[in-house]
Amino acid sequence: MTTRTQTKTKDPSWQLQEAKSRLSQVVDHALREGPQTITLHGKPAVVVVSFEEFQNLIRPHTSLREFFRQSPLYDTDLDLERSKDLAREVLL
């Protein structure tokens, strides 16, 4: 059985058992080299990324204003007038 540390390649993949026993190394590699994949039963299960990279993934890439400008409904005429009807009476 070869582990990540025994191979000299920069394979960012760790078996779960190895990742558990070498968590500080997994974190260090994620900070220095980029995302680290942890496998479960030989299949990719989770990815460890730096907090900075995580923030970049979840941060919107456009402002709300730009988002609405890019909408297919941008040039649609909307009737935004409020109804002048009075509220109906409700018996309580």
PDB file of N, CA and C in Angstrom:
ATOM      1  N   MET A   1       0.845  -1.170   0.000  1.00  0.00           N
ATOM      2  CA  MET A   1       0.000   0.000   0.000  1.00  0.00           C
ATOM      3  C   MET A   1       0.895   1.239   0.000  1.00  0.00           C
ATOM      4  N   THR A   2       0.694   2.110  -0.981  1.00  0.00           N
ATOM      5  CA  THR A   2       1.465   3.341  -1.007  1.00  0.00           C
ATOM      6  C   THR A   2       0.595   4.474  -0.492  1.00  0.00           C
ATOM      7  N   THR A   3       1.189   5.312   0.321  1.00  0.00           N
ATOM      8  CA  THR A   3       0.460   6.463   0.831  1.00  0.00           C
ATOM      9  C   THR A   3       0.934   7.702   0.099  1.00  0.00           C
ATOM     10  N   ARG A   4       0.237   8.795   0.329  1.00  0.00           N
ATOM     11  CA  ARG A   4       0.570  10.037  -0.352  1.00  0.00           C
ATOM     12  C   ARG A   4       1.998  10.462  -0.039  1.00  0.00           C
ATOM     13  N   THR A   5       2.420  10.304   1.184  1.00  0.00           N
ATOM     14  CA  THR A   5       3.758  10.756   1.574  1.00  0.00           C
ATOM     15  C   THR A   5       4.845   9.857   0.991  1.00  0.00           C
ATOM     16  N   GLN A   6       4.506   8.628   0.640  1.00  0.00           N
ATOM     17  CA  GLN A   6       5.505   7.744   0.053  1.00  0.00           C
ATOM     18  C   GLN A   6       5.709   8.036  -1.427  1.00  0.00           C
ATOM     19  N   THR A   7       4.693   8.639  -2.065  1.00  0.00           N
ATOM     20  CA  THR A   7       4.855   8.971  -3.472  1.00  0.00           C
ATOM     21  C   THR A   7       5.444  10.355  -3.568  1.00  0.00           C
ATOM     22  N   LYS A   8       6.264  10.574  -4.564  1.00  0.00           N
ATOM     23  CA  LYS A   8       6.933  11.860  -4.717  1.00  0.00           C
ATOM     24  C   LYS A   8       6.139  12.820  -5.609  1.00  0.00           C
ATOM     25  N   THR A   9       5.003  12.389  -6.153  1.00  0.00           N
ATOM     26  CA  THR A   9       4.207  13.261  -7.006  1.00  0.00           C
ATOM     27  C   THR A   9       3.366  14.196  -6.146  1.00  0.00           C
ATOM     28  N   LYS A  10       2.887  15.238  -6.758  1.00  0.00           N
ATOM     29  CA  LYS A  10       2.030  16.191  -6.050  1.00  0.00           C
ATOM     30  C   LYS A  10       0.563  15.790  -6.235  1.00  0.00           C
ATOM     31  N   ASP A  11       0.267  14.544  -5.991  1.00  0.00           N
ATOM     32  CA  ASP A  11      -1.098  14.036  -6.076  1.00  0.00           C
ATOM     33  C   ASP A  11      -1.885  14.583  -4.890  1.00  0.00           C
ATOM     34  N   PRO A  12      -2.861  15.445  -5.128  1.00  0.00           N
ATOM     35  CA  PRO A  12      -3.587  16.043  -4.010  1.00  0.00           C
ATOM     36  C   PRO A  12      -4.677  15.123  -3.449  1.00  0.00           C
ATOM     37  N   SER A  13      -4.444  13.821  -3.481  1.00  0.00           N
ATOM     38  CA  SER A  13      -5.447  12.867  -3.022  1.00  0.00           C
ATOM     39  C   SER A  13      -4.936  12.108  -1.791  1.00  0.00           C
ATOM     40  N   TRP A  14      -5.789  11.998  -0.787  1.00  0.00           N
ATOM     41  CA  TRP A  14      -5.445  11.319   0.467  1.00  0.00           C
ATOM     42  C   TRP A  14      -6.521  10.296   0.780  1.00  0.00           C
ATOM     43  N   GLN A  15      -6.102   9.112   1.218  1.00  0.00           N
ATOM     44  CA  GLN A  15      -7.065   8.140   1.715  1.00  0.00           C
ATOM     45  C   GLN A  15      -7.566   8.648   3.059  1.00  0.00           C
ATOM     46  N   LEU A  16      -8.819   8.369   3.376  1.00  0.00           N
ATOM     47  CA  LEU A  16      -9.428   8.894   4.601  1.00  0.00           C
ATOM     48  C   LEU A  16      -8.600   8.568   5.841  1.00  0.00           C
ATOM     49  N   GLN A  17      -8.180   7.338   5.974  1.00  0.00           N
ATOM     50  CA  GLN A  17      -7.417   6.937   7.162  1.00  0.00           C
ATOM     51  C   GLN A  17      -6.125   7.739   7.284  1.00  0.00           C
ATOM     52  N   GLU A  18      -5.454   7.927   6.158  1.00  0.00           N
ATOM     53  CA  GLU A  18      -4.215   8.702   6.162  1.00  0.00           C
ATOM     54  C   GLU A  18      -4.494  10.172   6.466  1.00  0.00           C
ATOM     55  N   ALA A  19      -5.561  10.718   5.895  1.00  0.00           N
ATOM     56  CA  ALA A  19      -5.916  12.119   6.138  1.00  0.00           C
ATOM     57  C   ALA A  19      -6.239  12.351   7.607  1.00  0.00           C
ATOM     58  N   LYS A  20      -6.873  11.372   8.239  1.00  0.00           N
ATOM     59  CA  LYS A  20      -7.191  11.497   9.667  1.00  0.00           C
ATOM     60  C   LYS A  20      -5.913  11.541  10.498  1.00  0.00           C
ATOM     61  N   SER A  21      -4.972  10.692  10.169  1.00  0.00           N
ATOM     62  CA  SER A  21      -3.752  10.631  10.976  1.00  0.00           C
ATOM     63  C   SER A  21      -2.766  11.756  10.639  1.00  0.00           C
ATOM     64  N   ARG A  22      -2.938  12.407   9.489  1.00  0.00           N
ATOM     65  CA  ARG A  22      -2.018  13.465   9.079  1.00  0.00           C
ATOM     66  C   ARG A  22      -2.774  14.757   8.746  1.00  0.00           C
ATOM     67  N   LEU A  23      -3.785  15.059   9.528  1.00  0.00           N
ATOM     68  CA  LEU A  23      -4.638  16.203   9.236  1.00  0.00           C
ATOM     69  C   LEU A  23      -3.852  17.504   9.097  1.00  0.00           C
ATOM     70  N   SER A  24      -2.869  17.713   9.963  1.00  0.00           N
ATOM     71  CA  SER A  24      -2.094  18.959   9.870  1.00  0.00           C
ATOM     72  C   SER A  24      -1.363  19.051   8.534  1.00  0.00           C
ATOM     73  N   GLN A  25      -0.900  17.928   8.011  1.00  0.00           N
ATOM     74  CA  GLN A  25      -0.239  17.933   6.701  1.00  0.00           C
ATOM     75  C   GLN A  25      -1.241  18.219   5.590  1.00  0.00           C
ATOM     76  N   VAL A  26      -2.424  17.632   5.698  1.00  0.00           N
ATOM     77  CA  VAL A  26      -3.465  17.875   4.682  1.00  0.00           C
ATOM     78  C   VAL A  26      -3.782  19.367   4.640  1.00  0.00           C
ATOM     79  N   VAL A  27      -3.945  19.964   5.812  1.00  0.00           N
ATOM     80  CA  VAL A  27      -4.248  21.396   5.891  1.00  0.00           C
ATOM     81  C   VAL A  27      -3.083  22.212   5.328  1.00  0.00           C
ATOM     82  N   ASP A  28      -1.865  21.859   5.693  1.00  0.00           N
ATOM     83  CA  ASP A  28      -0.697  22.576   5.193  1.00  0.00           C
ATOM     84  C   ASP A  28      -0.618  22.516   3.671  1.00  0.00           C
ATOM     85  N   HIS A  29      -0.854  21.334   3.109  1.00  0.00           N
ATOM     86  CA  HIS A  29      -0.836  21.184   1.645  1.00  0.00           C
ATOM     87  C   HIS A  29      -1.959  22.000   1.003  1.00  0.00           C
ATOM     88  N   ALA A  30      -3.131  22.030   1.629  1.00  0.00           N
ATOM     89  CA  ALA A  30      -4.249  22.815   1.086  1.00  0.00           C
ATOM     90  C   ALA A  30      -3.892  24.299   1.064  1.00  0.00           C
ATOM     91  N   LEU A  31      -3.197  24.751   2.085  1.00  0.00           N
ATOM     92  CA  LEU A  31      -2.802  26.160   2.153  1.00  0.00           C
ATOM     93  C   LEU A  31      -1.721  26.506   1.136  1.00  0.00           C
ATOM     94  N   ARG A  32      -0.760  25.596   0.948  1.00  0.00           N
ATOM     95  CA  ARG A  32       0.392  25.884   0.074  1.00  0.00           C
ATOM     96  C   ARG A  32       0.173  25.474  -1.377  1.00  0.00           C
ATOM     97  N   GLU A  33      -0.500  24.326  -1.596  1.00  0.00           N
ATOM     98  CA  GLU A  33      -0.574  23.745  -2.941  1.00  0.00           C
ATOM     99  C   GLU A  33      -1.951  23.813  -3.584  1.00  0.00           C
ATOM    100  N   GLY A  34      -2.970  24.016  -2.772  1.00  0.00           N
ATOM    101  CA  GLY A  34      -4.318  24.061  -3.336  1.00  0.00           C
ATOM    102  C   GLY A  34      -5.184  22.927  -2.799  1.00  0.00           C
ATOM    103  N   PRO A  35      -6.363  22.754  -3.372  1.00  0.00           N
ATOM    104  CA  PRO A  35      -7.335  21.776  -2.877  1.00  0.00           C
ATOM    105  C   PRO A  35      -6.758  20.367  -2.730  1.00  0.00           C
ATOM    106  N   GLN A  36      -7.153  19.711  -1.645  1.00  0.00           N
ATOM    107  CA  GLN A  36      -6.722  18.338  -1.354  1.00  0.00           C
ATOM    108  C   GLN A  36      -7.961  17.451  -1.299  1.00  0.00           C
ATOM    109  N   THR A  37      -7.962  16.395  -2.097  1.00  0.00           N
ATOM    110  CA  THR A  37      -9.097  15.476  -2.151  1.00  0.00           C
ATOM    111  C   THR A  37      -8.896  14.349  -1.150  1.00  0.00           C
ATOM    112  N   ILE A  38      -9.953  14.043  -0.423  1.00  0.00           N
ATOM    113  CA  ILE A  38      -9.930  12.894   0.488  1.00  0.00           C
ATOM    114  C   ILE A  38     -10.857  11.849  -0.093  1.00  0.00           C
ATOM    115  N   THR A  39     -10.321  10.619  -0.234  1.00  0.00           N
ATOM    116  CA  THR A  39     -11.096   9.541  -0.841  1.00  0.00           C
ATOM    117  C   THR A  39     -11.671   8.619   0.227  1.00  0.00           C
ATOM    118  N   LEU A  40     -12.786   8.033  -0.108  1.00  0.00           N
ATOM    119  CA  LEU A  40     -13.449   7.059   0.751  1.00  0.00           C
ATOM    120  C   LEU A  40     -13.755   5.842  -0.111  1.00  0.00           C
ATOM    121  N   HIS A  41     -13.196   4.719   0.242  1.00  0.00           N
ATOM    122  CA  HIS A  41     -13.331   3.484  -0.545  1.00  0.00           C
ATOM    123  C   HIS A  41     -12.843   3.683  -1.980  1.00  0.00           C
ATOM    124  N   GLY A  42     -11.761   4.474  -2.131  1.00  0.00           N
ATOM    125  CA  GLY A  42     -11.157   4.669  -3.438  1.00  0.00           C
ATOM    126  C   GLY A  42     -11.823   5.709  -4.317  1.00  0.00           C
ATOM    127  N   LYS A  43     -12.884   6.337  -3.825  1.00  0.00           N
ATOM    128  CA  LYS A  43     -13.595   7.338  -4.623  1.00  0.00           C
ATOM    129  C   LYS A  43     -13.516   8.698  -3.930  1.00  0.00           C
ATOM    130  N   PRO A  44     -13.385   9.780  -4.713  1.00  0.00           N
ATOM    131  CA  PRO A  44     -13.340  11.114  -4.108  1.00  0.00           C
ATOM    132  C   PRO A  44     -14.584  11.361  -3.252  1.00  0.00           C
ATOM    133  N   ALA A  45     -14.371  11.849  -2.026  1.00  0.00           N
ATOM    134  CA  ALA A  45     -15.493  12.077  -1.116  1.00  0.00           C
ATOM    135  C   ALA A  45     -15.622  13.544  -0.719  1.00  0.00           C
ATOM    136  N   VAL A  46     -14.518  14.165  -0.331  1.00  0.00           N
ATOM    137  CA  VAL A  46     -14.531  15.570   0.086  1.00  0.00           C
ATOM    138  C   VAL A  46     -13.256  16.253  -0.376  1.00  0.00           C
ATOM    139  N   VAL A  47     -13.290  17.590  -0.341  1.00  0.00           N
ATOM    140  CA  VAL A  47     -12.124  18.374  -0.712  1.00  0.00           C
ATOM    141  C   VAL A  47     -11.823  19.354   0.411  1.00  0.00           C
ATOM    142  N   VAL A  48     -10.563  19.444   0.795  1.00  0.00           N
ATOM    143  CA  VAL A  48     -10.115  20.409   1.795  1.00  0.00           C
ATOM    144  C   VAL A  48      -9.495  21.574   1.038  1.00  0.00           C
ATOM    145  N   VAL A  49     -10.028  22.777   1.282  1.00  0.00           N
ATOM    146  CA  VAL A  49      -9.493  23.980   0.641  1.00  0.00           C
ATOM    147  C   VAL A  49      -9.197  25.027   1.710  1.00  0.00           C
ATOM    148  N   SER A  50      -8.354  25.982   1.375  1.00  0.00           N
ATOM    149  CA  SER A  50      -8.070  27.074   2.304  1.00  0.00           C
ATOM    150  C   SER A  50      -9.327  27.919   2.468  1.00  0.00           C
ATOM    151  N   PHE A  51      -9.412  28.640   3.575  1.00  0.00           N
ATOM    152  CA  PHE A  51     -10.565  29.488   3.818  1.00  0.00           C
ATOM    153  C   PHE A  51     -10.673  30.571   2.746  1.00  0.00           C
ATOM    154  N   GLU A  52      -9.536  31.107   2.320  1.00  0.00           N
ATOM    155  CA  GLU A  52      -9.531  32.133   1.274  1.00  0.00           C
ATOM    156  C   GLU A  52     -10.133  31.595  -0.026  1.00  0.00           C
ATOM    157  N   GLU A  53      -9.747  30.385  -0.392  1.00  0.00           N
ATOM    158  CA  GLU A  53     -10.288  29.787  -1.609  1.00  0.00           C
ATOM    159  C   GLU A  53     -11.782  29.506  -1.469  1.00  0.00           C
ATOM    160  N   PHE A  54     -12.197  29.049  -0.298  1.00  0.00           N
ATOM    161  CA  PHE A  54     -13.611  28.822  -0.031  1.00  0.00           C
ATOM    162  C   PHE A  54     -14.402  30.120  -0.180  1.00  0.00           C
ATOM    163  N   GLN A  55     -13.883  31.216   0.383  1.00  0.00           N
ATOM    164  CA  GLN A  55     -14.562  32.517   0.265  1.00  0.00           C
ATOM    165  C   GLN A  55     -14.688  32.930  -1.204  1.00  0.00           C
ATOM    166  N   ASN A  56     -13.654  32.684  -1.996  1.00  0.00           N
ATOM    167  CA  ASN A  56     -13.719  33.005  -3.425  1.00  0.00           C
ATOM    168  C   ASN A  56     -14.769  32.178  -4.147  1.00  0.00           C
ATOM    169  N   LEU A  57     -14.969  30.952  -3.707  1.00  0.00           N
ATOM    170  CA  LEU A  57     -15.967  30.093  -4.342  1.00  0.00           C
ATOM    171  C   LEU A  57     -17.392  30.525  -4.036  1.00  0.00           C
ATOM    172  N   ILE A  58     -17.638  31.015  -2.834  1.00  0.00           N
ATOM    173  CA  ILE A  58     -19.009  31.352  -2.457  1.00  0.00           C
ATOM    174  C   ILE A  58     -19.354  32.825  -2.674  1.00  0.00           C
ATOM    175  N   ARG A  59     -18.370  33.685  -2.884  1.00  0.00           N
ATOM    176  CA  ARG A  59     -18.604  35.117  -3.082  1.00  0.00           C
ATOM    177  C   ARG A  59     -19.198  35.345  -4.469  1.00  0.00           C
ATOM    178  N   PRO A  60     -20.263  36.142  -4.554  1.00  0.00           N
ATOM    179  CA  PRO A  60     -20.813  36.464  -5.881  1.00  0.00           C
ATOM    180  C   PRO A  60     -19.761  37.199  -6.713  1.00  0.00           C
ATOM    181  N   HIS A  61     -19.718  36.900  -7.984  1.00  0.00           N
ATOM    182  CA  HIS A  61     -18.723  37.522  -8.853  1.00  0.00           C
ATOM    183  C   HIS A  61     -19.236  38.809  -9.497  1.00  0.00           C
ATOM    184  N   THR A  62     -20.521  39.089  -9.334  1.00  0.00           N
ATOM    185  CA  THR A  62     -21.089  40.329  -9.851  1.00  0.00           C
ATOM    186  C   THR A  62     -21.877  41.002  -8.743  1.00  0.00           C
ATOM    187  N   SER A  63     -22.026  42.304  -8.867  1.00  0.00           N
ATOM    188  CA  SER A  63     -22.829  43.033  -7.890  1.00  0.00           C
ATOM    189  C   SER A  63     -24.307  42.754  -8.149  1.00  0.00           C
ATOM    190  N   LEU A  64     -25.134  43.067  -7.195  1.00  0.00           N
ATOM    191  CA  LEU A  64     -26.572  42.869  -7.364  1.00  0.00           C
ATOM    192  C   LEU A  64     -27.084  43.709  -8.527  1.00  0.00           C
ATOM    193  N   ARG A  65     -26.547  44.894  -8.655  1.00  0.00           N
ATOM    194  CA  ARG A  65     -26.943  45.781  -9.763  1.00  0.00           C
ATOM    195  C   ARG A  65     -26.629  45.126 -11.109  1.00  0.00           C
ATOM    196  N   GLU A  66     -25.413  44.590 -11.250  1.00  0.00           N
ATOM    197  CA  GLU A  66     -25.033  43.919 -12.500  1.00  0.00           C
ATOM    198  C   GLU A  66     -25.868  42.666 -12.744  1.00  0.00           C
ATOM    199  N   PHE A  67     -26.179  41.958 -11.675  1.00  0.00           N
ATOM    200  CA  PHE A  67     -27.012  40.761 -11.795  1.00  0.00           C
ATOM    201  C   PHE A  67     -28.358  41.109 -12.431  1.00  0.00           C
ATOM    202  N   PHE A  68     -28.990  42.173 -11.937  1.00  0.00           N
ATOM    203  CA  PHE A  68     -30.289  42.580 -12.492  1.00  0.00           C
ATOM    204  C   PHE A  68     -30.148  43.120 -13.912  1.00  0.00           C
ATOM    205  N   ARG A  69     -29.055  43.797 -14.196  1.00  0.00           N
ATOM    206  CA  ARG A  69     -28.846  44.297 -15.561  1.00  0.00           C
ATOM    207  C   ARG A  69     -28.656  43.165 -16.568  1.00  0.00           C
ATOM    208  N   GLN A  70     -28.103  42.053 -16.114  1.00  0.00           N
ATOM    209  CA  GLN A  70     -27.872  40.911 -17.004  1.00  0.00           C
ATOM    210  C   GLN A  70     -29.101  40.019 -17.130  1.00  0.00           C
ATOM    211  N   SER A  71     -30.133  40.314 -16.378  1.00  0.00           N
ATOM    212  CA  SER A  71     -31.348  39.507 -16.404  1.00  0.00           C
ATOM    213  C   SER A  71     -32.042  39.618 -17.757  1.00  0.00           C
ATOM    214  N   PRO A  72     -32.626  38.523 -18.241  1.00  0.00           N
ATOM    215  CA  PRO A  72     -33.387  38.604 -19.500  1.00  0.00           C
ATOM    216  C   PRO A  72     -34.634  39.486 -19.351  1.00  0.00           C
ATOM    217  N   LEU A  73     -35.022  39.810 -18.146  1.00  0.00           N
ATOM    218  CA  LEU A  73     -36.199  40.656 -17.908  1.00  0.00           C
ATOM    219  C   LEU A  73     -35.825  42.129 -17.732  1.00  0.00           C
ATOM    220  N   TYR A  74     -34.572  42.486 -17.971  1.00  0.00           N
ATOM    221  CA  TYR A  74     -34.085  43.841 -17.704  1.00  0.00           C
ATOM    222  C   TYR A  74     -34.904  44.913 -18.413  1.00  0.00           C
ATOM    223  N   ASP A  75     -35.207  44.718 -19.674  1.00  0.00           N
ATOM    224  CA  ASP A  75     -35.933  45.728 -20.453  1.00  0.00           C
ATOM    225  C   ASP A  75     -37.439  45.525 -20.444  1.00  0.00           C
ATOM    226  N   THR A  76     -37.935  44.649 -19.623  1.00  0.00           N
ATOM    227  CA  THR A  76     -39.363  44.378 -19.553  1.00  0.00           C
ATOM    228  C   THR A  76     -40.061  45.509 -18.808  1.00  0.00           C
ATOM    229  N   ASP A  77     -41.170  45.961 -19.369  1.00  0.00           N
ATOM    230  CA  ASP A  77     -41.955  46.992 -18.685  1.00  0.00           C
ATOM    231  C   ASP A  77     -42.798  46.331 -17.615  1.00  0.00           C
ATOM    232  N   LEU A  78     -42.552  46.717 -16.388  1.00  0.00           N
ATOM    233  CA  LEU A  78     -43.309  46.175 -15.270  1.00  0.00           C
ATOM    234  C   LEU A  78     -44.248  47.243 -14.736  1.00  0.00           C
ATOM    235  N   ASP A  79     -45.451  46.840 -14.388  1.00  0.00           N
ATOM    236  CA  ASP A  79     -46.403  47.760 -13.768  1.00  0.00           C
ATOM    237  C   ASP A  79     -46.162  47.709 -12.271  1.00  0.00           C
ATOM    238  N   LEU A  80     -45.516  48.743 -11.745  1.00  0.00           N
ATOM    239  CA  LEU A  80     -45.164  48.763 -10.332  1.00  0.00           C
ATOM    240  C   LEU A  80     -46.090  49.657  -9.510  1.00  0.00           C
ATOM    241  N   GLU A  81     -47.206  50.098 -10.122  1.00  0.00           N
ATOM    242  CA  GLU A  81     -48.154  50.926  -9.378  1.00  0.00           C
ATOM    243  C   GLU A  81     -48.913  50.083  -8.380  1.00  0.00           C
ATOM    244  N   ARG A  82     -49.092  50.646  -7.221  1.00  0.00           N
ATOM    245  CA  ARG A  82     -49.810  49.950  -6.164  1.00  0.00           C
ATOM    246  C   ARG A  82     -51.310  50.101  -6.387  1.00  0.00           C
ATOM    247  N   SER A  83     -52.030  49.041  -6.112  1.00  0.00           N
ATOM    248  CA  SER A  83     -53.481  49.066  -6.255  1.00  0.00           C
ATOM    249  C   SER A  83     -54.078  50.078  -5.291  1.00  0.00           C
ATOM    250  N   LYS A  84     -55.060  50.822  -5.779  1.00  0.00           N
ATOM    251  CA  LYS A  84     -55.710  51.835  -4.948  1.00  0.00           C
ATOM    252  C   LYS A  84     -56.955  51.280  -4.257  1.00  0.00           C
ATOM    253  N   ASP A  85     -57.215  49.991  -4.443  1.00  0.00           N
ATOM    254  CA  ASP A  85     -58.363  49.356  -3.790  1.00  0.00           C
ATOM    255  C   ASP A  85     -58.188  49.404  -2.280  1.00  0.00           C
ATOM    256  N   LEU A  86     -59.327  49.535  -1.589  1.00  0.00           N
ATOM    257  CA  LEU A  86     -59.301  49.503  -0.134  1.00  0.00           C
ATOM    258  C   LEU A  86     -59.266  48.054   0.326  1.00  0.00           C
ATOM    259  N   ALA A  87     -58.729  47.852   1.488  1.00  0.00           N
ATOM    260  CA  ALA A  87     -58.689  46.503   2.039  1.00  0.00           C
ATOM    261  C   ALA A  87     -60.104  46.048   2.336  1.00  0.00           C
ATOM    262  N   ARG A  88     -60.373  44.782   2.227  1.00  0.00           N
ATOM    263  CA  ARG A  88     -61.714  44.274   2.524  1.00  0.00           C
ATOM    264  C   ARG A  88     -61.842  44.021   4.015  1.00  0.00           C
ATOM    265  N   GLU A  89     -63.054  44.098   4.462  1.00  0.00           N
ATOM    266  CA  GLU A  89     -63.300  43.866   5.889  1.00  0.00           C
ATOM    267  C   GLU A  89     -63.347  42.377   6.164  1.00  0.00           C
ATOM    268  N   VAL A  90     -62.764  41.989   7.269  1.00  0.00           N
ATOM    269  CA  VAL A  90     -62.732  40.580   7.679  1.00  0.00           C
ATOM    270  C   VAL A  90     -63.320  40.502   9.070  1.00  0.00           C
ATOM    271  N   LEU A  91     -64.302  39.613   9.251  1.00  0.00           N
ATOM    272  CA  LEU A  91     -64.881  39.431  10.571  1.00  0.00           C
ATOM    273  C   LEU A  91     -63.984  38.525  11.388  1.00  0.00           C
ATOM    274  N   LEU A  92     -63.657  38.964  12.570  1.00  0.00           N
ATOM    275  CA  LEU A  92     -62.806  38.160  13.450  1.00  0.00           C
ATOM    276  C   LEU A  92     -63.592  37.581  14.604  1.00  0.00           C
TER     277      LEU A  92
END
